[in-house]
Amino acid sequence: ERKKNVHGAFRILRAAELNERHVILVDDVLTSCATSAEIARKLKKSGANRVTVVVAARGTGAREAVAAAEPGNRARESSESPKPLDRGVSRK
């Protein structure tokens, strides 16, 4: 249900700035993973090389939601330092 609600809710404003970039997406609370997955999908489709989601809190079932969001991916910690990108996504 949540996935259906956020599908198409975001657009990339400056896709050219995403070309081959590693983007860190910050979310306050990860619950169903639907919002983060939709934004990550849009970022990758627009040219981002990699999207890392960083969250402050995780709701019940969030780990399973992350694993289900994109087969082959799993929740993990990363110490890699990406190039900063502080703009480019907006809510429609």
Protein backbone atom coordinates (compact mmCIF):
# COMPACT_ATOMS: atom_id res chain seq x y z
CA GLU A 1 0.00 0.00 0.00
CA ARG A 2 2.71 2.50 1.02
CA LYS A 3 4.77 1.64 -2.06
CA LYS A 4 1.76 2.42 -4.25
CA ASN A 5 1.24 5.76 -2.45
CA VAL A 6 4.76 7.07 -3.08
CA HIS A 7 5.20 5.77 -6.64
CA GLY A 8 5.69 8.82 -8.86
CA ALA A 9 5.58 11.24 -5.91
CA PHE A 10 9.12 12.57 -6.46
CA ARG A 11 11.01 14.05 -9.38
CA ILE A 12 14.66 14.83 -10.01
CA LEU A 13 15.30 18.52 -10.66
CA ARG A 14 18.99 18.48 -11.63
CA ALA A 15 19.65 15.07 -13.17
CA ALA A 16 22.89 16.24 -14.83
CA GLU A 17 24.43 16.73 -11.37
CA LEU A 18 23.82 13.07 -10.52
CA ASN A 19 25.93 11.61 -13.32
CA GLU A 20 28.10 8.85 -11.80
CA ARG A 21 27.72 10.30 -8.27
CA HIS A 22 27.33 8.44 -4.99
CA VAL A 23 24.31 9.99 -3.26
CA ILE A 24 23.55 9.72 0.46
CA LEU A 25 19.82 9.80 1.13
CA VAL A 26 18.99 10.74 4.75
CA ASP A 27 15.70 9.54 6.22
CA ASP A 28 14.56 10.23 9.78
CA VAL A 29 12.62 6.99 10.28
CA LEU A 30 12.69 3.93 8.03
CA THR A 31 9.54 1.86 8.30
CA SER A 32 8.31 0.26 5.08
CA CYS A 33 11.28 1.44 2.98
CA ALA A 34 8.81 2.60 0.32
CA THR A 35 9.82 6.29 0.31
CA SER A 36 13.56 5.63 0.35
CA ALA A 37 13.25 2.92 -2.30
CA GLU A 38 11.23 5.20 -4.61
CA ILE A 39 13.68 8.10 -4.25
CA ALA A 40 16.67 5.77 -4.71
CA ARG A 41 15.05 4.32 -7.83
CA LYS A 42 14.55 7.81 -9.27
CA LEU A 43 18.13 8.84 -8.41
CA LYS A 44 19.62 5.75 -10.06
CA LYS A 45 17.39 6.13 -13.11
CA SER A 46 18.59 9.74 -13.39
CA GLY A 47 22.26 8.80 -13.38
CA ALA A 48 23.40 8.28 -9.79
CA ASN A 49 26.04 5.57 -9.66
CA ARG A 50 25.17 4.52 -6.11
CA VAL A 51 22.60 5.49 -3.47
CA THR A 52 23.20 4.91 0.24
CA VAL A 53 20.29 5.36 2.64
CA VAL A 54 21.19 6.60 6.14
CA VAL A 55 18.49 6.54 8.81
CA ALA A 56 18.21 7.87 12.35
CA ALA A 57 15.68 5.26 13.48
CA ARG A 58 14.32 2.02 12.14
CA GLY A 59 10.77 0.79 12.58
CA THR A 60 9.70 -2.81 13.13
CA GLY A 61 10.20 -4.85 9.98
CA ALA A 62 12.49 -2.28 8.33
CA ARG A 63 15.38 -4.70 7.76
CA GLU A 64 13.06 -7.07 5.91
CA ALA A 65 11.65 -4.16 3.90
CA VAL A 66 15.15 -3.08 2.83
CA ALA A 67 16.04 -6.62 1.77
CA ALA A 68 12.81 -6.90 -0.21
CA ALA A 69 13.13 -3.48 -1.84
CA GLU A 70 15.86 -4.51 -4.25
CA PRO A 71 16.78 -8.19 -4.57
CA GLY A 72 20.46 -8.84 -3.94
CA ASN A 73 20.90 -5.81 -1.66
CA ARG A 74 21.06 -5.95 2.10
CA ALA A 75 21.14 -3.41 4.89
CA ARG A 76 24.74 -2.66 5.87
CA GLU A 77 26.96 0.00 7.30
CA SER A 78 29.42 1.83 5.09
CA SER A 79 32.44 3.97 5.92
CA GLU A 80 32.95 5.13 2.33
CA SER A 81 32.89 8.91 1.89
CA PRO A 82 30.78 9.90 -1.12
CA LYS A 83 30.94 13.21 -2.99
CA PRO A 84 28.39 15.60 -1.44
CA LEU A 85 25.16 16.40 -3.24
CA ASP A 86 22.80 18.58 -1.24
CA ARG A 87 20.05 19.26 -3.73
CA GLY A 88 18.25 17.82 -6.71
CA VAL A 89 15.18 15.97 -5.41
CA SER A 90 11.86 17.59 -4.64
CA ARG A 91 8.42 16.47 -3.65
CA LYS A 92 5.89 17.06 -6.46
